[in-house]
Amino acid sequence: MIRGIILDIDGVIVGEKIGFNSPYPHPDVIQKLKSLREKWIVVSLCTAKPHFSIQKIIVDAGLNNLHITNGGGLIVDPINNVVLKKHVINQQDSIRIIKAYLKSDVYTEFYAIDDYYIQNDQVSEITKIHTKLKMLPKATARVCTKPPDRFTMKARETAKRDVKEKF
């Protein structure tokens, strides 16, 4: 008897045919996932995408169990609001890394557990492509000059100045 299935998303339940099985699985796939879960078979999704980008799949298929997301950085059941394990970069290292990337004009997306941030002067075609590929809801992107204090990431100009002063 099968008790559980672990599935990747890209190339497994999501294909490449826009409007048919991309960027969201075909309705038949969602229905099959739902029927498996109704038979008490645990279906866990495993992906490099953030969990909020696969939230619709999880909710529509009723997959109220753990999923491996963020490239293994987060094990979460978003329906029941349970985080089993998370691997995060400490705040000082995050700030240092982001500042170095911004100083070098490297396109940078900063992912947190429940959100992501893009420096407002870096929004570009890459942002549109990533939003579509990662199935990120447009409202989720925080285009900002100063993200929330809990992440303490400064505006690009300030970051460049601070990097010059500290390094």
Foldseek 3Di string as FASTA:
>chain_A
DAQEEEEEPEPTQADDDPPARPPHGHPVSLQVLLVCVVVNRQYEYAYLFAPQLCVVSCVSSVRQDWYQYNNNQWIDRVVVGDTPHGDDDDLVVVQVVVLVCLLVVHFDWADDNQAIEGAQVNDDVVVVVCCRNSNPDPVRYDHDQADDPVNGHHGSVVSNVVVVVPD
